[in-house]
PDB file of N, CA and C in Angstrom:
ATOM      1  N   MET A   1     177.596  94.389  89.035  1.00  0.00           N
ATOM      2  CA  MET A   1     177.505  94.928  90.365  1.00  0.00           C
ATOM      3  C   MET A   1     176.955  96.348  90.331  1.00  0.00           C
ATOM      4  N   ASP A   2     177.428  97.144  89.396  1.00  0.00           N
ATOM      5  CA  ASP A   2     176.951  98.514  89.277  1.00  0.00           C
ATOM      6  C   ASP A   2     175.471  98.556  88.932  1.00  0.00           C
ATOM      7  N   SER A   3     175.023  97.628  88.103  1.00  0.00           N
ATOM      8  CA  SER A   3     173.604  97.618  87.736  1.00  0.00           C
ATOM      9  C   SER A   3     172.737  97.283  88.944  1.00  0.00           C
ATOM     10  N   ASN A   4     173.209  96.420  89.842  1.00  0.00           N
ATOM     11  CA  ASN A   4     172.463  96.110  91.061  1.00  0.00           C
ATOM     12  C   ASN A   4     172.345  97.340  91.955  1.00  0.00           C
ATOM     13  N   LYS A   5     173.438  98.108  92.068  1.00  0.00           N
ATOM     14  CA  LYS A   5     173.410  99.330  92.875  1.00  0.00           C
ATOM     15  C   LYS A   5     172.425 100.336  92.287  1.00  0.00           C
ATOM     16  N   GLN A   6     172.433 100.442  90.960  1.00  0.00           N
ATOM     17  CA  GLN A   6     171.512 101.377  90.313  1.00  0.00           C
ATOM     18  C   GLN A   6     170.061 100.944  90.505  1.00  0.00           C
ATOM     19  N   ASN A   7     169.795  99.635  90.406  1.00  0.00           N
ATOM     20  CA  ASN A   7     168.441  99.121  90.619  1.00  0.00           C
ATOM     21  C   ASN A   7     167.985  99.395  92.052  1.00  0.00           C
ATOM     22  N   ASN A   8     168.896  99.152  93.003  1.00  0.00           N
ATOM     23  CA  ASN A   8     168.557  99.412  94.402  1.00  0.00           C
ATOM     24  C   ASN A   8     168.319 100.900  94.639  1.00  0.00           C
ATOM     25  N   GLN A   9     169.154 101.742  94.023  1.00  0.00           N
ATOM     26  CA  GLN A   9     168.972 103.177  94.172  1.00  0.00           C
ATOM     27  C   GLN A   9     167.642 103.622  93.558  1.00  0.00           C
ATOM     28  N   ASN A  10     167.287 103.059  92.414  1.00  0.00           N
ATOM     29  CA  ASN A  10     166.019 103.395  91.779  1.00  0.00           C
ATOM     30  C   ASN A  10     164.841 102.987  92.668  1.00  0.00           C
ATOM     31  N   LYS A  11     164.948 101.808  93.293  1.00  0.00           N
ATOM     32  CA  LYS A  11     163.878 101.354  94.174  1.00  0.00           C
ATOM     33  C   LYS A  11     163.739 102.279  95.369  1.00  0.00           C
ATOM     34  N   VAL A  12     164.867 102.680  95.940  1.00  0.00           N
ATOM     35  CA  VAL A  12     164.840 103.571  97.095  1.00  0.00           C
ATOM     36  C   VAL A  12     164.318 104.940  96.690  1.00  0.00           C
ATOM     37  N   GLU A  13     164.739 105.420  95.532  1.00  0.00           N
ATOM     38  CA  GLU A  13     164.297 106.731  95.071  1.00  0.00           C
ATOM     39  C   GLU A  13     162.817 106.729  94.711  1.00  0.00           C
ATOM     40  N   ASN A  14     162.296 105.610  94.215  1.00  0.00           N
ATOM     41  CA  ASN A  14     160.900 105.554  93.811  1.00  0.00           C
ATOM     42  C   ASN A  14     159.955 105.560  95.015  1.00  0.00           C
ATOM     43  N   LYS A  15     160.376 104.985  96.120  1.00  0.00           N
ATOM     44  CA  LYS A  15     159.490 104.914  97.278  1.00  0.00           C
ATOM     45  C   LYS A  15     159.107 106.295  97.794  1.00  0.00           C
ATOM     46  N   PRO A  16     160.049 107.186  98.036  1.00  0.00           N
ATOM     47  CA  PRO A  16     159.624 108.510  98.506  1.00  0.00           C
ATOM     48  C   PRO A  16     158.789 109.253  97.468  1.00  0.00           C
ATOM     49  N   LYS A  17     159.097 109.078  96.198  1.00  0.00           N
ATOM     50  CA  LYS A  17     158.321 109.746  95.168  1.00  0.00           C
ATOM     51  C   LYS A  17     156.885 109.240  95.179  1.00  0.00           C
ATOM     52  N   ASP A  18     156.718 107.919  95.373  1.00  0.00           N
ATOM     53  CA  ASP A  18     155.378 107.367  95.418  1.00  0.00           C
ATOM     54  C   ASP A  18     154.603 107.935  96.606  1.00  0.00           C
ATOM     55  N   LYS A  19     155.278 108.064  97.743  1.00  0.00           N
ATOM     56  CA  LYS A  19     154.616 108.637  98.909  1.00  0.00           C
ATOM     57  C   LYS A  19     154.231 110.082  98.651  1.00  0.00           C
ATOM     58  N   ASP A  20     155.137 110.822  98.012  1.00  0.00           N
ATOM     59  CA  ASP A  20     154.829 112.213  97.682  1.00  0.00           C
ATOM     60  C   ASP A  20     153.650 112.282  96.714  1.00  0.00           C
ATOM     61  N   ASN A  21     153.651 111.363  95.736  1.00  0.00           N
ATOM     62  CA  ASN A  21     152.558 111.346  94.767  1.00  0.00           C
ATOM     63  C   ASN A  21     151.230 111.028  95.442  1.00  0.00           C
ATOM     64  N   THR A  22     151.230 110.072  96.375  1.00  0.00           N
ATOM     65  CA  THR A  22     149.974 109.736  97.046  1.00  0.00           C
ATOM     66  C   THR A  22     149.504 110.891  97.920  1.00  0.00           C
ATOM     67  N   ASN A  23     150.458 111.595  98.563  1.00  0.00           N
ATOM     68  CA  ASN A  23     150.073 112.770  99.355  1.00  0.00           C
ATOM     69  C   ASN A  23     149.477 113.856  98.460  1.00  0.00           C
ATOM     70  N   GLN A  24     150.098 114.063  97.303  1.00  0.00           N
ATOM     71  CA  GLN A  24     149.578 115.063  96.376  1.00  0.00           C
ATOM     72  C   GLN A  24     148.201 114.654  95.862  1.00  0.00           C
ATOM     73  N   GLU A  25     148.023 113.363  95.569  1.00  0.00           N
ATOM     74  CA  GLU A  25     146.725 112.883  95.100  1.00  0.00           C
ATOM     75  C   GLU A  25     145.663 113.045  96.182  1.00  0.00           C
ATOM     76  N   ASN A  26     146.027 112.747  97.439  1.00  0.00           N
ATOM     77  CA  ASN A  26     145.083 112.929  98.542  1.00  0.00           C
ATOM     78  C   ASN A  26     144.707 114.395  98.681  1.00  0.00           C
ATOM     79  N   ASN A  27     145.692 115.289  98.575  1.00  0.00           N
ATOM     80  CA  ASN A  27     145.407 116.722  98.661  1.00  0.00           C
ATOM     81  C   ASN A  27     144.501 117.166  97.520  1.00  0.00           C
ATOM     82  N   GLN A  28     144.769 116.642  96.324  1.00  0.00           N
ATOM     83  CA  GLN A  28     143.933 116.994  95.181  1.00  0.00           C
ATOM     84  C   GLN A  28     142.508 116.475  95.365  1.00  0.00           C
ATOM     85  N   ASN A  29     142.369 115.269  95.934  1.00  0.00           N
ATOM     86  CA  ASN A  29     141.028 114.729  96.187  1.00  0.00           C
ATOM     87  C   ASN A  29     140.284 115.580  97.209  1.00  0.00           C
ATOM     88  N   GLU A  30     140.991 116.044  98.254  1.00  0.00           N
ATOM     89  CA  GLU A  30     140.355 116.907  99.246  1.00  0.00           C
ATOM     90  C   GLU A  30     139.916 118.221  98.603  1.00  0.00           C
ATOM     91  N   ILE A  31     140.743 118.778  97.738  1.00  0.00           N
ATOM     92  CA  ILE A  31     140.397 120.022  97.056  1.00  0.00           C
ATOM     93  C   ILE A  31     139.181 119.793  96.166  1.00  0.00           C
ATOM     94  N   LYS A  32     139.145 118.659  95.462  1.00  0.00           N
ATOM     95  CA  LYS A  32     138.002 118.359  94.606  1.00  0.00           C
ATOM     96  C   LYS A  32     136.726 118.221  95.421  1.00  0.00           C
ATOM     97  N   GLU A  33     136.812 117.597  96.620  1.00  0.00           N
ATOM     98  CA  GLU A  33     135.629 117.460  97.462  1.00  0.00           C
ATOM     99  C   GLU A  33     135.133 118.831  97.895  1.00  0.00           C
ATOM    100  N   ASN A  34     136.048 119.732  98.271  1.00  0.00           N
ATOM    101  CA  ASN A  34     135.646 121.079  98.667  1.00  0.00           C
ATOM    102  C   ASN A  34     135.016 121.820  97.491  1.00  0.00           C
ATOM    103  N   VAL A  35     135.578 121.648  96.320  1.00  0.00           N
ATOM    104  CA  VAL A  35     135.028 122.296  95.132  1.00  0.00           C
ATOM    105  C   VAL A  35     133.659 121.718  94.814  1.00  0.00           C
ATOM    106  N   ASP A  36     133.461 120.417  95.022  1.00  0.00           N
ATOM    107  CA  ASP A  36     132.173 119.800  94.750  1.00  0.00           C
ATOM    108  C   ASP A  36     131.088 120.378  95.647  1.00  0.00           C
ATOM    109  N   ILE A  37     131.407 120.641  96.911  1.00  0.00           N
ATOM    110  CA  ILE A  37     130.420 121.215  97.821  1.00  0.00           C
ATOM    111  C   ILE A  37     130.051 122.624  97.377  1.00  0.00           C
ATOM    112  N   THR A  38     131.055 123.416  97.020  1.00  0.00           N
ATOM    113  CA  THR A  38     130.757 124.780  96.575  1.00  0.00           C
ATOM    114  C   THR A  38     129.983 124.764  95.264  1.00  0.00           C
ATOM    115  N   ASN A  39     130.333 123.864  94.365  1.00  0.00           N
ATOM    116  CA  ASN A  39     129.582 123.757  93.108  1.00  0.00           C
ATOM    117  C   ASN A  39     128.146 123.320  93.373  1.00  0.00           C
ATOM    118  N   PHE A  40     127.968 122.428  94.339  1.00  0.00           N
ATOM    119  CA  PHE A  40     126.630 121.967  94.683  1.00  0.00           C
ATOM    120  C   PHE A  40     125.768 123.126  95.157  1.00  0.00           C
ATOM    121  N   ILE A  41     126.343 123.964  96.014  1.00  0.00           N
ATOM    122  CA  ILE A  41     125.581 125.112  96.522  1.00  0.00           C
ATOM    123  C   ILE A  41     125.357 126.133  95.412  1.00  0.00           C
ATOM    124  N   LYS A  42     126.368 126.352  94.557  1.00  0.00           N
ATOM    125  CA  LYS A  42     126.215 127.322  93.464  1.00  0.00           C
ATOM    126  C   LYS A  42     125.156 126.886  92.461  1.00  0.00           C
ATOM    127  N   LYS A  43     124.999 125.573  92.257  1.00  0.00           N
ATOM    128  CA  LYS A  43     124.038 125.065  91.287  1.00  0.00           C
ATOM    129  C   LYS A  43     122.613 125.050  91.824  1.00  0.00           C
ATOM    130  N   ALA A  44     122.439 125.294  93.112  1.00  0.00           N
ATOM    131  CA  ALA A  44     121.104 125.284  93.709  1.00  0.00           C
ATOM    132  C   ALA A  44     120.271 126.416  93.120  1.00  0.00           C
ATOM    133  N   SER A  45     118.961 126.245  93.160  1.00  0.00           N
ATOM    134  CA  SER A  45     118.092 127.275  92.595  1.00  0.00           C
ATOM    135  C   SER A  45     118.165 128.569  93.398  1.00  0.00           C
ATOM    136  N   ASN A  46     118.461 128.481  94.687  1.00  0.00           N
ATOM    137  CA  ASN A  46     118.647 129.669  95.511  1.00  0.00           C
ATOM    138  C   ASN A  46     119.727 129.371  96.553  1.00  0.00           C
ATOM    139  N   PRO A  47     120.988 129.699  96.262  1.00  0.00           N
ATOM    140  CA  PRO A  47     122.092 129.346  97.150  1.00  0.00           C
ATOM    141  C   PRO A  47     122.005 129.951  98.549  1.00  0.00           C
ATOM    142  N   MET A  48     121.468 131.166  98.678  1.00  0.00           N
ATOM    143  CA  MET A  48     121.395 131.803  99.995  1.00  0.00           C
ATOM    144  C   MET A  48     120.482 131.026 100.937  1.00  0.00           C
ATOM    145  N   ILE A  49     119.389 130.516 100.438  1.00  0.00           N
ATOM    146  CA  ILE A  49     118.481 129.738 101.270  1.00  0.00           C
ATOM    147  C   ILE A  49     119.165 128.451 101.714  1.00  0.00           C
ATOM    148  N   CYS A  50     119.900 127.824 100.813  1.00  0.00           N
ATOM    149  CA  CYS A  50     120.638 126.613 101.179  1.00  0.00           C
ATOM    150  C   CYS A  50     121.663 126.909 102.265  1.00  0.00           C
ATOM    151  N   ILE A  51     122.355 128.015 102.146  1.00  0.00           N
ATOM    152  CA  ILE A  51     123.379 128.375 103.125  1.00  0.00           C
ATOM    153  C   ILE A  51     122.749 128.626 104.496  1.00  0.00           C
ATOM    154  N   PHE A  52     121.635 129.374 104.549  1.00  0.00           N
ATOM    155  CA  PHE A  52     120.985 129.637 105.830  1.00  0.00           C
ATOM    156  C   PHE A  52     120.438 128.365 106.455  1.00  0.00           C
ATOM    157  N   THR A  53     119.928 127.458 105.636  1.00  0.00           N
ATOM    158  CA  THR A  53     119.439 126.187 106.151  1.00  0.00           C
ATOM    159  C   THR A  53     120.573 125.403 106.798  1.00  0.00           C
ATOM    160  N   ILE A  54     121.711 125.364 106.132  1.00  0.00           N
ATOM    161  CA  ILE A  54     122.873 124.646 106.669  1.00  0.00           C
ATOM    162  C   ILE A  54     123.404 125.337 107.915  1.00  0.00           C
ATOM    163  N   ILE A  55     123.434 126.667 107.915  1.00  0.00           N
ATOM    164  CA  ILE A  55     123.954 127.419 109.067  1.00  0.00           C
ATOM    165  C   ILE A  55     123.119 127.145 110.318  1.00  0.00           C
ATOM    166  N   PHE A  56     121.799 127.151 110.205  1.00  0.00           N
ATOM    167  CA  PHE A  56     120.962 126.919 111.377  1.00  0.00           C
ATOM    168  C   PHE A  56     121.132 125.500 111.913  1.00  0.00           C
ATOM    169  N   LYS A  57     121.243 124.522 111.022  1.00  0.00           N
ATOM    170  CA  LYS A  57     121.413 123.139 111.473  1.00  0.00           C
ATOM    171  C   LYS A  57     122.761 122.950 112.162  1.00  0.00           C
ATOM    172  N   ILE A  58     123.827 123.412 111.525  1.00  0.00           N
ATOM    173  CA  ILE A  58     125.156 123.270 112.105  1.00  0.00           C
ATOM    174  C   ILE A  58     125.283 124.131 113.362  1.00  0.00           C
ATOM    175  N   GLY A  59     124.688 125.313 113.346  1.00  0.00           N
ATOM    176  CA  GLY A  59     124.744 126.204 114.507  1.00  0.00           C
ATOM    177  C   GLY A  59     124.127 125.576 115.746  1.00  0.00           C
ATOM    178  N   ALA A  60     123.000 124.898 115.590  1.00  0.00           N
ATOM    179  CA  ALA A  60     122.358 124.255 116.735  1.00  0.00           C
ATOM    180  C   ALA A  60     123.232 123.145 117.306  1.00  0.00           C
ATOM    181  N   ILE A  61     123.818 122.346 116.443  1.00  0.00           N
ATOM    182  CA  ILE A  61     124.660 121.239 116.905  1.00  0.00           C
ATOM    183  C   ILE A  61     125.932 121.761 117.569  1.00  0.00           C
ATOM    184  N   VAL A  62     126.583 122.705 116.921  1.00  0.00           N
ATOM    185  CA  VAL A  62     127.842 123.247 117.459  1.00  0.00           C
ATOM    186  C   VAL A  62     127.589 123.997 118.765  1.00  0.00           C
ATOM    187  N   SER A  63     126.520 124.773 118.835  1.00  0.00           N
ATOM    188  CA  SER A  63     126.250 125.497 120.076  1.00  0.00           C
ATOM    189  C   SER A  63     125.899 124.531 121.202  1.00  0.00           C
ATOM    190  N   PHE A  64     125.228 123.428 120.891  1.00  0.00           N
ATOM    191  CA  PHE A  64     124.933 122.431 121.916  1.00  0.00           C
ATOM    192  C   PHE A  64     126.216 121.867 122.512  1.00  0.00           C
ATOM    193  N   ILE A  65     127.177 121.589 121.651  1.00  0.00           N
ATOM    194  CA  ILE A  65     128.444 121.015 122.124  1.00  0.00           C
ATOM    195  C   ILE A  65     129.302 122.060 122.830  1.00  0.00           C
ATOM    196  N   LEU A  66     129.512 123.198 122.190  1.00  0.00           N
ATOM    197  CA  LEU A  66     130.444 124.186 122.729  1.00  0.00           C
ATOM    198  C   LEU A  66     129.892 124.947 123.930  1.00  0.00           C
ATOM    199  N   LEU A  67     128.625 125.324 123.887  1.00  0.00           N
ATOM    200  CA  LEU A  67     128.079 126.069 125.011  1.00  0.00           C
ATOM    201  C   LEU A  67     128.006 125.208 126.270  1.00  0.00           C
ATOM    202  N   ASP A  68     127.771 123.931 126.100  1.00  0.00           N
ATOM    203  CA  ASP A  68     127.748 123.038 127.250  1.00  0.00           C
ATOM    204  C   ASP A  68     129.135 122.945 127.896  1.00  0.00           C
ATOM    205  N   ILE A  69     130.171 123.086 127.084  1.00  0.00           N
ATOM    206  CA  ILE A  69     131.542 123.024 127.598  1.00  0.00           C
ATOM    207  C   ILE A  69     131.954 124.353 128.216  1.00  0.00           C
ATOM    208  N   PHE A  70     131.693 125.459 127.534  1.00  0.00           N
ATOM    209  CA  PHE A  70     132.229 126.758 127.950  1.00  0.00           C
ATOM    210  C   PHE A  70     131.314 127.553 128.873  1.00  0.00           C
ATOM    211  N   VAL A  71     130.018 127.351 128.794  1.00  0.00           N
ATOM    212  CA  VAL A  71     129.091 128.094 129.639  1.00  0.00           C
ATOM    213  C   VAL A  71     128.597 127.136 130.727  1.00  0.00           C
ATOM    214  N   LYS A  72     128.735 127.538 131.952  1.00  0.00           N
ATOM    215  CA  LYS A  72     128.352 126.657 133.062  1.00  0.00           C
ATOM    216  C   LYS A  72     126.844 126.620 133.284  1.00  0.00           C
ATOM    217  N   ASN A  73     126.123 127.595 132.749  1.00  0.00           N
ATOM    218  CA  ASN A  73     124.676 127.644 132.907  1.00  0.00           C
ATOM    219  C   ASN A  73     124.026 126.857 131.768  1.00  0.00           C
ATOM    220  N   GLU A  74     123.472 125.699 132.102  1.00  0.00           N
ATOM    221  CA  GLU A  74     122.871 124.845 131.074  1.00  0.00           C
ATOM    222  C   GLU A  74     121.621 125.471 130.467  1.00  0.00           C
ATOM    223  N   ALA A  75     120.933 126.282 131.231  1.00  0.00           N
ATOM    224  CA  ALA A  75     119.701 126.898 130.730  1.00  0.00           C
ATOM    225  C   ALA A  75     119.990 127.796 129.532  1.00  0.00           C
ATOM    226  N   ILE A  76     121.078 128.537 129.579  1.00  0.00           N
ATOM    227  CA  ILE A  76     121.440 129.410 128.456  1.00  0.00           C
ATOM    228  C   ILE A  76     121.796 128.573 127.234  1.00  0.00           C
ATOM    229  N   ALA A  77     122.531 127.491 127.456  1.00  0.00           N
ATOM    230  CA  ALA A  77     122.907 126.620 126.338  1.00  0.00           C
ATOM    231  C   ALA A  77     121.673 126.033 125.669  1.00  0.00           C
ATOM    232  N   TYR A  78     120.751 125.533 126.470  1.00  0.00           N
ATOM    233  CA  TYR A  78     119.534 124.948 125.900  1.00  0.00           C
ATOM    234  C   TYR A  78     118.659 126.003 125.229  1.00  0.00           C
ATOM    235  N   LEU A  79     118.623 127.180 125.793  1.00  0.00           N
ATOM    236  CA  LEU A  79     117.843 128.259 125.195  1.00  0.00           C
ATOM    237  C   LEU A  79     118.376 128.617 123.810  1.00  0.00           C
ATOM    238  N   VAL A  80     119.691 128.725 123.675  1.00  0.00           N
ATOM    239  CA  VAL A  80     120.302 129.034 122.379  1.00  0.00           C
ATOM    240  C   VAL A  80     120.013 127.912 121.378  1.00  0.00           C
ATOM    241  N   VAL A  81     120.130 126.661 121.823  1.00  0.00           N
ATOM    242  CA  VAL A  81     119.862 125.527 120.929  1.00  0.00           C
ATOM    243  C   VAL A  81     118.394 125.529 120.492  1.00  0.00           C
ATOM    244  N   ILE A  82     117.483 125.800 121.397  1.00  0.00           N
ATOM    245  CA  ILE A  82     116.061 125.827 121.051  1.00  0.00           C
ATOM    246  C   ILE A  82     115.765 126.962 120.075  1.00  0.00           C
ATOM    247  N   ILE A  83     116.360 128.126 120.292  1.00  0.00           N
ATOM    248  CA  ILE A  83     116.136 129.251 119.374  1.00  0.00           C
ATOM    249  C   ILE A  83     116.684 128.937 117.986  1.00  0.00           C
ATOM    250  N   LEU A  84     117.889 128.362 117.912  1.00  0.00           N
ATOM    251  CA  LEU A  84     118.450 127.996 116.602  1.00  0.00           C
ATOM    252  C   LEU A  84     117.620 126.902 115.929  1.00  0.00           C
ATOM    253  N   SER A  85     117.127 125.955 116.700  1.00  0.00           N
ATOM    254  CA  SER A  85     116.279 124.901 116.129  1.00  0.00           C
ATOM    255  C   SER A  85     114.952 125.474 115.640  1.00  0.00           C
ATOM    256  N   ALA A  86     114.406 126.434 116.366  1.00  0.00           N
ATOM    257  CA  ALA A  86     113.168 127.075 115.918  1.00  0.00           C
ATOM    258  C   ALA A  86     113.398 127.859 114.628  1.00  0.00           C
ATOM    259  N   CYS A  87     114.538 128.555 114.547  1.00  0.00           N
ATOM    260  CA  CYS A  87     114.877 129.281 113.308  1.00  0.00           C
ATOM    261  C   CYS A  87     115.048 128.302 112.153  1.00  0.00           C
ATOM    262  N   ASP A  88     115.658 127.159 112.428  1.00  0.00           N
ATOM    263  CA  ASP A  88     115.833 126.140 111.398  1.00  0.00           C
ATOM    264  C   ASP A  88     114.471 125.628 110.931  1.00  0.00           C
ATOM    265  N   PHE A  89     113.580 125.337 111.870  1.00  0.00           N
ATOM    266  CA  PHE A  89     112.249 124.851 111.505  1.00  0.00           C
ATOM    267  C   PHE A  89     111.499 125.890 110.684  1.00  0.00           C
ATOM    268  N   TRP A  90     111.527 127.144 111.118  1.00  0.00           N
ATOM    269  CA  TRP A  90     110.828 128.193 110.394  1.00  0.00           C
ATOM    270  C   TRP A  90     111.388 128.347 108.980  1.00  0.00           C
ATOM    271  N   THR A  91     112.726 128.291 108.871  1.00  0.00           N
ATOM    272  CA  THR A  91     113.354 128.417 107.555  1.00  0.00           C
ATOM    273  C   THR A  91     112.950 127.265 106.648  1.00  0.00           C
ATOM    274  N   ILE A  92     112.981 126.051 107.170  1.00  0.00           N
ATOM    275  CA  ILE A  92     112.605 124.887 106.360  1.00  0.00           C
ATOM    276  C   ILE A  92     111.134 124.966 105.960  1.00  0.00           C
ATOM    277  N   LYS A  93     110.264 125.286 106.903  1.00  0.00           N
ATOM    278  CA  LYS A  93     108.828 125.282 106.624  1.00  0.00           C
ATOM    279  C   LYS A  93     108.417 126.411 105.696  1.00  0.00           C
ATOM    280  N   ASN A  94     108.835 127.609 106.007  1.00  0.00           N
ATOM    281  CA  ASN A  94     108.314 128.776 105.300  1.00  0.00           C
ATOM    282  C   ASN A  94     109.151 129.231 104.115  1.00  0.00           C
ATOM    283  N   VAL A  95     110.446 129.050 104.174  1.00  0.00           N
ATOM    284  CA  VAL A  95     111.293 129.595 103.113  1.00  0.00           C
ATOM    285  C   VAL A  95     111.790 128.489 102.191  1.00  0.00           C
ATOM    286  N   SER A  96     112.535 127.536 102.749  1.00  0.00           N
ATOM    287  CA  SER A  96     113.102 126.469 101.913  1.00  0.00           C
ATOM    288  C   SER A  96     112.014 125.635 101.263  1.00  0.00           C
ATOM    289  N   GLY A  97     111.022 125.268 102.046  1.00  0.00           N
ATOM    290  CA  GLY A  97     109.951 124.443 101.499  1.00  0.00           C
ATOM    291  C   GLY A  97     109.211 125.118 100.369  1.00  0.00           C
ATOM    292  N   ARG A  98     108.963 126.390 100.514  1.00  0.00           N
ATOM    293  CA  ARG A  98     108.195 127.101  99.497  1.00  0.00           C
ATOM    294  C   ARG A  98     109.025 127.425  98.266  1.00  0.00           C
ATOM    295  N   ILE A  99     110.213 127.947  98.469  1.00  0.00           N
ATOM    296  CA  ILE A  99     110.999 128.426  97.335  1.00  0.00           C
ATOM    297  C   ILE A  99     111.772 127.298  96.653  1.00  0.00           C
ATOM    298  N   LEU A 100     112.430 126.446  97.425  1.00  0.00           N
ATOM    299  CA  LEU A 100     113.256 125.402  96.822  1.00  0.00           C
ATOM    300  C   LEU A 100     112.441 124.224  96.311  1.00  0.00           C
ATOM    301  N   VAL A 101     111.442 123.804  97.077  1.00  0.00           N
ATOM    302  CA  VAL A 101     110.710 122.590  96.737  1.00  0.00           C
ATOM    303  C   VAL A 101     109.307 122.871  96.226  1.00  0.00           C
ATOM    304  N   GLY A 102     108.729 123.978  96.635  1.00  0.00           N
ATOM    305  CA  GLY A 102     107.392 124.320  96.186  1.00  0.00           C
ATOM    306  C   GLY A 102     106.297 123.737  97.058  1.00  0.00           C
ATOM    307  N   LEU A 103     106.580 123.540  98.347  1.00  0.00           N
ATOM    308  CA  LEU A 103     105.591 122.981  99.266  1.00  0.00           C
ATOM    309  C   LEU A 103     105.142 124.028 100.277  1.00  0.00           C
ATOM    310  N   ARG A 104     103.865 123.960 100.644  1.00  0.00           N
ATOM    311  CA  ARG A 104     103.317 124.782 101.730  1.00  0.00           C
ATOM    312  C   ARG A 104     102.362 123.922 102.525  1.00  0.00           C
ATOM    313  N   TRP A 105     102.347 124.110 103.826  1.00  0.00           N
ATOM    314  CA  TRP A 105     101.388 123.385 104.646  1.00  0.00           C
ATOM    315  C   TRP A 105     101.069 124.190 105.892  1.00  0.00           C
ATOM    316  N   TRP A 106      99.846 124.003 106.385  1.00  0.00           N
ATOM    317  CA  TRP A 106      99.426 124.674 107.606  1.00  0.00           C
ATOM    318  C   TRP A 106      98.241 123.934 108.196  1.00  0.00           C
ATOM    319  N   ASN A 107      97.906 124.318 109.410  1.00  0.00           N
ATOM    320  CA  ASN A 107      96.818 123.700 110.151  1.00  0.00           C
ATOM    321  C   ASN A 107      95.652 124.691 110.211  1.00  0.00           C
ATOM    322  N   ASP A 108      94.481 124.235 109.843  1.00  0.00           N
ATOM    323  CA  ASP A 108      93.290 125.081 109.886  1.00  0.00           C
ATOM    324  C   ASP A 108      92.304 124.455 110.879  1.00  0.00           C
ATOM    325  N   VAL A 109      91.859 125.258 111.836  1.00  0.00           N
ATOM    326  CA  VAL A 109      90.900 124.777 112.831  1.00  0.00           C
ATOM    327  C   VAL A 109      89.515 125.304 112.442  1.00  0.00           C
ATOM    328  N   LYS A 110      88.581 124.380 112.225  1.00  0.00           N
ATOM    329  CA  LYS A 110      87.213 124.760 111.845  1.00  0.00           C
ATOM    330  C   LYS A 110      86.432 125.199 113.088  1.00  0.00           C
ATOM    331  N   GLU A 111      85.243 125.765 112.860  1.00  0.00           N
ATOM    332  CA  GLU A 111      84.410 126.243 113.964  1.00  0.00           C
ATOM    333  C   GLU A 111      83.987 125.112 114.891  1.00  0.00           C
ATOM    334  N   THR A 112      83.910 123.898 114.383  1.00  0.00           N
ATOM    335  CA  THR A 112      83.517 122.740 115.201  1.00  0.00           C
ATOM    336  C   THR A 112      84.670 122.250 116.077  1.00  0.00           C
ATOM    337  N   GLY A 113      85.868 122.787 115.868  1.00  0.00           N
ATOM    338  CA  GLY A 113      87.036 122.378 116.650  1.00  0.00           C
ATOM    339  C   GLY A 113      87.878 121.325 115.953  1.00  0.00           C
ATOM    340  N   GLU A 114      87.435 120.924 114.764  1.00  0.00           N
ATOM    341  CA  GLU A 114      88.175 119.909 114.015  1.00  0.00           C
ATOM    342  C   GLU A 114      89.393 120.546 113.355  1.00  0.00           C
ATOM    343  N   GLU A 115      90.523 119.857 113.455  1.00  0.00           N
ATOM    344  CA  GLU A 115      91.749 120.344 112.828  1.00  0.00           C
ATOM    345  C   GLU A 115      91.881 119.741 111.438  1.00  0.00           C
ATOM    346  N   VAL A 116      92.206 120.584 110.484  1.00  0.00           N
ATOM    347  CA  VAL A 116      92.404 120.124 109.113  1.00  0.00           C
ATOM    348  C   VAL A 116      93.789 120.586 108.664  1.00  0.00           C
ATOM    349  N   TRP A 117      94.595 119.643 108.216  1.00  0.00           N
ATOM    350  CA  TRP A 117      95.922 119.979 107.688  1.00  0.00           C
ATOM    351  C   TRP A 117      95.797 120.198 106.194  1.00  0.00           C
ATOM    352  N   ILE A 118      96.308 121.308 105.725  1.00  0.00           N
ATOM    353  CA  ILE A 118      96.229 121.660 104.303  1.00  0.00           C
ATOM    354  C   ILE A 118      97.645 121.626 103.729  1.00  0.00           C
ATOM    355  N   PHE A 119      97.793 120.874 102.657  1.00  0.00           N
ATOM    356  CA  PHE A 119      99.087 120.740 101.989  1.00  0.00           C
ATOM    357  C   PHE A 119      98.948 121.227 100.554  1.00  0.00           C
ATOM    358  N   GLU A 120      99.894 122.038 100.106  1.00  0.00           N
ATOM    359  CA  GLU A 120      99.906 122.524  98.727  1.00  0.00           C
ATOM    360  C   GLU A 120     101.277 122.264  98.128  1.00  0.00           C
ATOM    361  N   SER A 121     101.306 122.023  96.837  1.00  0.00           N
ATOM    362  CA  SER A 121     102.585 121.883  96.138  1.00  0.00           C
ATOM    363  C   SER A 121     102.444 122.438  94.729  1.00  0.00           C
ATOM    364  N   LYS A 122     103.543 122.945  94.217  1.00  0.00           N
ATOM    365  CA  LYS A 122     103.565 123.485  92.862  1.00  0.00           C
ATOM    366  C   LYS A 122     103.887 122.366  91.880  1.00  0.00           C
ATOM    367  N   ASN A 123     103.536 122.597  90.639  1.00  0.00           N
ATOM    368  CA  ASN A 123     103.980 121.690  89.586  1.00  0.00           C
ATOM    369  C   ASN A 123     105.474 121.847  89.411  1.00  0.00           C
ATOM    370  N   GLU A 124     106.146 120.815  88.904  1.00  0.00           N
ATOM    371  CA  GLU A 124     107.593 120.879  88.720  1.00  0.00           C
ATOM    372  C   GLU A 124     107.984 121.984  87.745  1.00  0.00           C
ATOM    373  N   SER A 125     107.139 122.277  86.795  1.00  0.00           N
ATOM    374  CA  SER A 125     107.465 123.314  85.821  1.00  0.00           C
ATOM    375  C   SER A 125     107.449 124.713  86.438  1.00  0.00           C
ATOM    376  N   MET A 126     106.735 124.885  87.577  1.00  0.00           N
ATOM    377  CA  MET A 126     106.615 126.177  88.204  1.00  0.00           C
ATOM    378  C   MET A 126     107.743 126.457  89.199  1.00  0.00           C
ATOM    379  N   ILE A 127     108.455 125.391  89.622  1.00  0.00           N
ATOM    380  CA  ILE A 127     109.550 125.567  90.594  1.00  0.00           C
ATOM    381  C   ILE A 127     110.741 126.153  89.869  1.00  0.00           C
ATOM    382  N   ASN A 128     111.450 127.079  90.546  1.00  0.00           N
ATOM    383  CA  ASN A 128     112.614 127.751  89.941  1.00  0.00           C
ATOM    384  C   ASN A 128     113.587 126.785  89.392  1.00  0.00           C
TER     385      ASN A 128
END
């Protein structure tokens, strides 16, 4: 009879411990995911450019959502979103594309009015 009570007590005691262990494992997994993101940015060839690229993208989305809720003037909300999107485009085209990936492109209009798109890229050995 005593052994049955001990077995039942062990089963009851193990259940909360298992729940605590799974909570701790979930917390550890969340911490590892956060560390993986920071390691990913730290391992980039230029972390500041990566951060600004992410900031402009997230900023446009967040401002679209929040400004529409808190500011009653839709024109201001759209203006802020357009400015952040333009900054994001400029950063991707001129800074991220050139420094991180080694790409450049632009449009050249000839005297005849014909548009020519010019694309340049670096060799992989030349990229940081």
